[in-house]
Protein backbone atom coordinates (compact mmCIF):
# COMPACT_ATOMS: atom_id res chain seq x y z
CA MET A 1 -11.14 -19.15 13.71
CA ILE A 2 -8.46 -17.23 15.59
CA LEU A 3 -9.28 -13.64 16.59
CA ILE A 4 -6.60 -10.99 16.10
CA TYR A 5 -6.69 -7.64 17.92
CA SER A 6 -3.28 -6.23 16.98
CA SER A 7 0.07 -7.08 15.42
CA ILE A 8 2.88 -8.87 17.25
CA PHE A 9 5.13 -6.20 18.76
CA GLU A 10 8.37 -8.25 18.64
CA PRO A 11 7.87 -11.25 16.34
CA ALA A 12 10.31 -14.16 16.25
CA THR A 13 11.85 -13.35 12.87
CA ASN A 14 13.69 -16.68 12.77
CA LEU A 15 10.41 -18.64 12.36
CA PRO A 16 9.17 -19.71 8.91
CA VAL A 17 6.54 -17.36 7.46
CA VAL A 18 2.97 -18.20 6.44
CA PHE A 19 1.41 -15.39 4.41
CA LEU A 20 -2.13 -14.12 4.49
CA ARG A 21 -2.74 -12.31 1.19
CA VAL A 22 -5.08 -9.32 1.54
CA GLU A 23 -6.51 -6.77 -0.89
CA ARG A 24 -5.63 -3.13 -0.11
CA ARG A 25 -9.22 -2.07 0.56
CA THR A 26 -9.74 -4.97 2.97
CA LEU A 27 -6.44 -4.23 4.69
CA ALA A 28 -7.63 -0.67 5.36
CA LYS A 29 -10.53 -1.99 7.43
CA ARG A 30 -10.50 -2.76 11.13
CA LEU A 31 -13.04 -5.62 11.01
CA TRP A 32 -12.50 -8.40 8.47
CA ARG A 33 -11.75 -12.09 7.98
CA GLY A 34 -9.03 -13.86 6.09
CA THR A 35 -7.51 -17.28 5.43
CA ALA A 36 -3.74 -17.80 5.48
CA ALA A 37 -1.89 -19.84 2.85
CA ASP A 38 -1.97 -22.89 5.15
CA GLY A 39 -5.77 -22.73 5.55
CA VAL A 40 -5.88 -21.22 9.06
CA GLU A 41 -8.79 -18.78 9.36
CA PHE A 42 -8.48 -15.47 11.17
CA GLY A 43 -10.93 -12.82 12.28
CA PHE A 44 -9.60 -9.30 12.71
CA GLU A 45 -11.01 -6.86 15.29
CA LEU A 46 -8.37 -4.14 15.19
CA ALA A 47 -7.96 -0.75 16.84
CA ALA A 48 -6.01 0.38 13.75
CA PRO A 49 -5.50 -1.20 10.30
CA LEU A 50 -2.50 -3.47 9.71
CA ALA A 51 0.16 -2.95 7.03
CA THR A 52 1.79 -5.34 4.60
CA GLY A 53 4.76 -7.19 6.11
CA VAL A 54 3.37 -7.10 9.65
CA THR A 55 3.39 -10.26 11.79
CA PHE A 56 -0.08 -10.61 13.31
CA TYR A 57 0.11 -14.11 14.85
CA GLN A 58 2.74 -16.67 15.69
CA THR A 59 3.02 -20.17 17.09
CA ALA A 60 6.03 -22.09 18.32
CA THR A 61 6.75 -23.17 14.72
CA HIS A 62 5.46 -20.38 12.39
CA ARG A 63 4.65 -16.71 12.19
CA TYR A 64 1.78 -15.29 10.15
CA VAL A 65 2.46 -12.19 8.07
CA ILE A 66 0.22 -9.83 6.07
CA ASP A 67 0.96 -9.90 2.33
CA GLN A 68 -0.83 -7.10 0.47
CA ALA A 69 -1.99 -8.21 -2.98
CA ARG A 70 -0.75 -6.52 -6.12
CA GLU A 71 -3.35 -4.52 -8.03
CA PRO A 72 -3.63 -2.73 -11.37
CA VAL A 73 -1.92 0.67 -11.24
CA LEU A 74 -0.83 3.40 -13.63
CA GLU A 75 2.88 4.14 -13.44
CA ILE A 76 4.63 7.34 -14.50
CA GLN A 77 8.41 7.11 -14.79
CA LEU A 78 10.24 10.07 -13.26
CA ALA A 79 13.51 9.64 -15.19
CA ASN A 80 12.74 12.29 -17.82
CA LEU A 81 10.47 14.58 -15.81
CA PRO A 82 11.60 17.77 -14.10
CA PRO A 83 10.55 18.03 -10.42
CA SER A 84 8.00 20.71 -11.29
CA ALA A 85 6.23 18.30 -13.68
CA ALA A 86 6.08 15.60 -11.00
CA ALA A 87 4.65 18.15 -8.57
CA GLY A 88 2.06 19.21 -11.14
CA ILE A 89 1.03 15.62 -11.80
CA GLY A 90 0.71 15.01 -8.06
CA TRP A 91 -1.43 18.13 -7.71
CA ALA A 92 -3.67 17.10 -10.65
CA VAL A 93 -4.20 13.60 -9.24
CA GLY A 94 -4.92 14.99 -5.77
CA ASN A 95 -7.24 17.63 -7.16
CA LEU A 96 -9.45 14.81 -8.46
CA HIS A 97 -9.24 13.14 -5.02
CA LEU A 98 -7.59 10.09 -6.53
CA GLU A 99 -5.18 8.04 -4.45
CA PHE A 100 -1.49 8.57 -5.14
CA SER A 101 1.97 7.48 -4.06
CA SER A 102 5.50 8.13 -5.17
CA GLU A 103 8.70 6.15 -5.17
CA ALA A 104 12.21 7.29 -6.00
CA THR A 105 11.77 6.49 -9.70
CA ARG A 106 8.02 6.45 -10.35
CA LEU A 107 4.58 7.79 -9.43
CA LEU A 108 1.64 5.40 -8.95
CA THR A 109 -2.15 5.68 -8.87
CA PRO A 110 -4.77 2.92 -9.10
CA ASP A 111 -5.78 2.10 -12.67
CA GLU A 112 -9.13 3.90 -12.84
CA PRO A 113 -10.86 5.54 -15.82
CA ALA A 114 -10.61 8.99 -14.18
CA ALA A 115 -6.82 8.66 -13.89
CA ARG A 116 -6.48 7.53 -17.50
CA GLN A 117 -8.64 10.46 -18.67
CA LEU A 118 -6.61 12.90 -16.57
CA PHE A 119 -3.29 11.68 -17.95
CA ALA A 120 -4.60 11.86 -21.52
CA ARG A 121 -5.86 15.41 -20.95
CA ILE A 122 -2.59 16.67 -19.44
CA GLN A 123 -0.55 14.61 -21.93
CA VAL A 124 1.37 12.48 -19.43
CA GLU A 125 2.78 9.16 -20.57
CA TYR A 126 2.00 6.23 -18.28
CA THR A 127 2.25 2.47 -18.22
CA ALA A 128 -0.47 0.14 -16.97
CA THR A 129 1.12 -2.42 -14.65
CA SER A 130 0.51 -4.08 -11.29
CA SER A 131 2.09 -3.35 -7.95
CA VAL A 132 1.47 -3.27 -4.23
CA PHE A 133 -0.12 0.15 -3.89
CA ARG A 134 0.15 2.13 -0.66
CA ALA A 135 -1.74 5.41 -0.92
CA GLY A 136 -0.09 8.41 0.68
CA ARG A 137 3.39 6.86 0.53
CA PHE A 138 6.04 9.29 -0.68
CA LYS A 139 9.53 7.85 -1.07
CA ARG A 140 12.40 10.07 -2.09
CA SER A 141 15.75 9.32 -3.65
CA GLN A 142 17.35 10.48 -0.38
CA PRO A 143 15.56 8.56 2.44
CA ASN A 144 13.85 10.62 5.14
CA PRO A 145 11.49 8.48 7.26
CA ALA A 146 9.88 11.57 8.78
CA LEU A 147 8.66 12.65 5.31
CA ASP A 148 7.96 9.29 3.67
CA ASP A 149 4.38 8.77 4.86
CA LEU A 150 1.56 11.20 5.55
CA GLY A 151 0.39 8.84 8.26
CA LEU A 152 -3.01 8.23 9.78
CA SER A 153 -3.33 11.78 11.07
CA HIS A 154 -3.43 13.26 7.55
CA LYS A 155 -6.99 14.39 6.94
CA HIS A 156 -8.89 16.71 4.58
């Protein structure tokens, strides 16, 4: 088993990629183990959690990249909602301390009974689907990297 303490700062992006698929809740941890698609085993002892798409190990012939697994989510399309409705939905989800993220065209929350009950109560249409879910991620139609992620310092 290869021990990993951090990501690769400047990976060789020209190398072929070997993915290590990881569940979101595991990826949020600092101590965990995983097996890459080629069978290589890794142990992670991190100062901070890694994110999907990050290169965490490389050899002369390959680089190893985190691949966050898709999970069941509830999706609300923003096409027909006024901004105030989207803000209200975000507030309602946050008020229940459920995880939440937004993209330019949709809102996402993990598919949990509490979220389904909330959406039924406030009469919000949603679709059950699967996606890579990144809590606290807020993408806008006009990109602004400074506002797109609450970051690790966001605490309640």
